[in-house]
Amino acid sequence: MKRFILIAALALSTAFVAVAADGESNASEPIKAHFTNNGPRAIGARFGWGAEVSYQHNLGKNFVEADLGTPGWNALGVQATATYNFVVAQPQWTPGTWTVYAGPGLQLGSSFGVGVFAMNVGVVGQAGLSYRFEFPLELSVDLRPALGGAFGSATVEGEKIPYGGFYFNYLGFIPCLGVRYAF
């Protein structure tokens, strides 16, 4: 577990140093909006293993995405995810804006049911492709696997049993569709 925390901290600090260095090297140039067609923000929904309300905010060339939703279609609970996405490429295939992106993030959530309660925290990686039309609509497809720990308790046959530990969220490899209004 100590190695996992060390690797996660190293990855996040490397990402922040890279962003800070990028901002310093272009200090004399004016900041250009990443999403030139419809503005630097978008709000909507993201559908995959669960449903989430999604918000994106432009930070220079890159963007932050914050999502709040359910951990799965048949699970009770809530999970919040925030990712910092680096724009890898913006190919000019059509009149709209295509964006290939990837980035690290953090996830915090809880799930509950009859006799079960768990809190989870983890790191995520997100990679995707989005398209912004010339009118204020964005569609995206992405993958966001998560790796983290779960802590909680369960009641089995009237006896409370603590559980928790390290797990891999393999369900994060399900492709997700995002539909957002850009403003």
Protein backbone atom coordinates (compact mmCIF):
# COMPACT_ATOMS: atom_id res chain seq x y z
CA MET A 1 0.00 0.00 0.00
CA LYS A 2 2.92 2.33 0.75
CA ARG A 3 4.27 1.78 -2.76
CA PHE A 4 0.87 2.57 -4.25
CA ILE A 5 0.62 5.87 -2.35
CA LEU A 6 4.19 6.76 -3.32
CA ILE A 7 3.55 6.03 -7.02
CA ALA A 8 0.28 8.00 -7.00
CA ALA A 9 1.93 11.00 -5.31
CA LEU A 10 4.83 10.87 -7.78
CA ALA A 11 2.48 10.74 -10.78
CA LEU A 12 0.37 13.67 -9.56
CA SER A 13 3.38 15.82 -8.66
CA THR A 14 4.94 15.14 -12.08
CA ALA A 15 1.70 16.24 -13.77
CA PHE A 16 1.56 19.47 -11.73
CA VAL A 17 5.23 20.28 -12.43
CA ALA A 18 4.66 19.71 -16.17
CA VAL A 19 1.66 22.05 -16.15
CA ALA A 20 3.56 24.73 -14.23
CA ALA A 21 6.54 24.49 -16.60
CA ASP A 22 4.22 24.76 -19.62
CA GLY A 23 2.63 27.92 -18.19
CA GLU A 24 6.03 29.55 -17.53
CA SER A 25 7.40 28.86 -21.01
CA ASN A 26 4.48 30.64 -22.70
CA ALA A 27 4.20 33.54 -20.24
CA SER A 28 4.75 36.20 -22.93
CA GLU A 29 2.05 34.78 -25.24
CA PRO A 30 -1.63 35.46 -24.60
CA ILE A 31 -3.64 32.44 -23.42
CA LYS A 32 -5.66 31.02 -26.29
CA ALA A 33 -8.95 29.28 -25.63
CA HIS A 34 -8.68 25.52 -26.13
CA PHE A 35 -12.26 25.22 -27.38
CA THR A 36 -12.43 27.88 -30.06
CA ASN A 37 -15.90 27.03 -31.41
CA ASN A 38 -18.14 27.11 -28.36
CA GLY A 39 -16.31 28.43 -25.33
CA PRO A 40 -14.15 27.07 -22.55
CA ARG A 41 -16.76 25.18 -20.47
CA ALA A 42 -19.18 22.30 -20.91
CA ILE A 43 -21.81 20.65 -18.70
CA GLY A 44 -23.79 17.48 -19.32
CA ALA A 45 -23.89 13.77 -18.59
CA ARG A 46 -21.55 10.82 -18.89
CA PHE A 47 -22.92 7.28 -19.28
CA GLY A 48 -21.04 4.00 -18.87
CA TRP A 49 -21.01 1.65 -15.90
CA GLY A 50 -23.09 4.30 -14.09
CA ALA A 51 -24.52 7.74 -14.83
CA GLU A 52 -22.74 10.96 -13.91
CA VAL A 53 -23.25 14.70 -14.12
CA SER A 54 -20.15 16.02 -15.86
CA TYR A 55 -18.49 19.47 -15.95
CA GLN A 56 -15.41 20.49 -17.96
CA HIS A 57 -13.44 23.70 -17.55
CA ASN A 58 -10.68 24.94 -19.83
CA LEU A 59 -7.28 25.74 -18.29
CA GLY A 60 -5.26 27.08 -21.22
CA LYS A 61 -4.65 24.23 -23.65
CA ASN A 62 -5.70 21.49 -21.18
CA PHE A 63 -8.89 21.04 -19.12
CA VAL A 64 -10.26 19.78 -15.81
CA GLU A 65 -13.24 17.41 -15.70
CA ALA A 66 -15.35 16.91 -12.56
CA ASP A 67 -18.01 14.19 -12.41
CA LEU A 68 -20.56 13.23 -9.76
CA GLY A 69 -22.72 10.14 -10.08
CA THR A 70 -23.48 6.56 -9.18
CA PRO A 71 -20.84 3.83 -8.90
CA GLY A 72 -22.91 1.55 -11.18
CA TRP A 73 -26.39 1.03 -12.61
CA ASN A 74 -27.34 -1.50 -9.92
CA ALA A 75 -25.35 0.03 -7.03
CA LEU A 76 -26.56 2.45 -4.40
CA GLY A 77 -24.12 5.19 -3.53
CA VAL A 78 -22.32 8.19 -4.89
CA GLN A 79 -18.89 8.78 -6.36
CA ALA A 80 -17.01 11.95 -7.26
CA THR A 81 -14.16 12.01 -9.77
CA ALA A 82 -11.86 14.83 -10.86
CA THR A 83 -9.31 14.52 -13.67
CA TYR A 84 -6.77 16.89 -15.18
CA ASN A 85 -6.68 16.11 -18.91
CA PHE A 86 -3.77 16.94 -21.19
CA VAL A 87 -4.73 17.62 -24.80
CA VAL A 88 -2.65 15.19 -26.86
CA ALA A 89 -3.85 16.24 -30.33
CA GLN A 90 -6.53 18.25 -32.13
CA PRO A 91 -6.75 16.83 -35.65
CA GLN A 92 -8.62 18.92 -38.25
CA TRP A 93 -10.76 16.14 -39.75
CA THR A 94 -14.08 18.03 -40.01
CA PRO A 95 -15.46 21.54 -39.42
CA GLY A 96 -15.93 20.91 -35.67
CA THR A 97 -13.16 20.43 -33.10
CA TRP A 98 -11.75 16.95 -32.46
CA THR A 99 -9.72 16.49 -29.26
CA VAL A 100 -7.65 13.51 -28.13
CA TYR A 101 -6.94 13.74 -24.39
CA ALA A 102 -5.53 11.79 -21.45
CA GLY A 103 -4.81 12.54 -17.83
CA PRO A 104 -4.66 11.49 -14.17
CA GLY A 105 -7.25 12.06 -11.47
CA LEU A 106 -8.70 11.14 -8.10
CA GLN A 107 -11.91 9.37 -7.12
CA LEU A 108 -13.82 9.32 -3.83
CA GLY A 109 -17.06 7.48 -3.22
CA SER A 110 -19.33 5.41 -1.06
CA SER A 111 -21.68 2.52 -1.66
CA PHE A 112 -24.33 1.11 0.61
CA GLY A 113 -27.08 -1.44 0.70
CA VAL A 114 -28.82 -3.77 3.15
CA GLY A 115 -26.15 -4.41 5.78
CA VAL A 116 -23.28 -3.05 3.66
CA PHE A 117 -21.44 0.26 3.77
CA ALA A 118 -18.11 1.01 2.06
CA MET A 119 -15.99 4.07 1.37
CA ASN A 120 -13.52 3.99 -1.49
CA VAL A 121 -10.72 6.25 -2.65
CA GLY A 122 -8.43 5.81 -5.60
CA VAL A 123 -6.50 7.20 -8.51
CA VAL A 124 -7.87 7.15 -12.04
CA GLY A 125 -6.47 7.53 -15.50
CA GLN A 126 -8.65 8.84 -18.29
CA ALA A 127 -8.11 8.67 -22.06
CA GLY A 128 -10.64 9.73 -24.65
CA LEU A 129 -11.74 11.37 -27.87
CA SER A 130 -14.23 14.24 -28.04
CA TYR A 131 -15.92 16.17 -30.82
CA ARG A 132 -17.40 19.66 -30.48
CA PHE A 133 -19.84 20.63 -33.19
CA GLU A 134 -20.05 24.14 -34.60
CA PHE A 135 -23.17 24.56 -32.44
CA PRO A 136 -22.86 24.16 -28.63
CA LEU A 137 -22.78 20.34 -28.36
CA GLU A 138 -19.92 18.04 -27.40
CA LEU A 139 -19.84 14.24 -27.68
CA SER A 140 -17.04 12.17 -26.17
CA VAL A 141 -15.99 8.55 -25.75
CA ASP A 142 -13.46 7.64 -23.07
CA LEU A 143 -12.07 5.00 -20.73
CA ARG A 144 -11.41 5.73 -17.06
CA PRO A 145 -9.99 2.80 -15.08
CA ALA A 146 -9.55 3.24 -11.32
CA LEU A 147 -7.18 1.70 -8.80
CA GLY A 148 -7.75 2.20 -5.11
CA GLY A 149 -8.82 0.94 -1.72
CA ALA A 150 -12.19 0.19 -0.16
CA PHE A 151 -12.95 0.38 3.55
CA GLY A 152 -16.20 -0.51 5.27
CA SER A 153 -18.28 -3.19 6.94
CA ALA A 154 -20.96 -5.75 6.17
CA THR A 155 -23.52 -7.61 8.26
CA VAL A 156 -23.75 -11.32 7.45
CA GLU A 157 -26.30 -13.43 9.33
CA GLY A 158 -26.58 -10.82 12.09
CA GLU A 159 -22.80 -10.56 12.65
CA LYS A 160 -20.93 -7.40 11.67
CA ILE A 161 -17.84 -8.23 9.59
CA PRO A 162 -15.25 -5.54 8.78
CA TYR A 163 -13.81 -5.64 5.29
CA GLY A 164 -11.62 -3.47 3.14
CA GLY A 165 -8.25 -3.49 1.48
CA PHE A 166 -6.78 -3.00 -1.92
CA TYR A 167 -8.77 -3.75 -5.10
CA PHE A 168 -8.62 -3.11 -8.81
CA ASN A 169 -11.72 -1.61 -10.42
CA TYR A 170 -11.74 -3.60 -13.66
CA LEU A 171 -15.17 -2.19 -14.55
CA GLY A 172 -13.47 1.12 -15.34
CA PHE A 173 -12.43 -0.31 -18.72
CA ILE A 174 -16.01 0.01 -19.99
CA PRO A 175 -16.24 2.76 -22.65
CA CYS A 176 -18.26 5.79 -21.56
CA LEU A 177 -20.27 8.22 -23.68
CA GLY A 178 -20.36 11.89 -22.71
CA VAL A 179 -22.97 14.37 -23.96
CA ARG A 180 -22.38 17.99 -22.92
CA TYR A 181 -23.62 21.50 -23.66
CA ALA A 182 -20.67 23.79 -24.40
CA PHE A 183 -20.80 27.41 -23.24
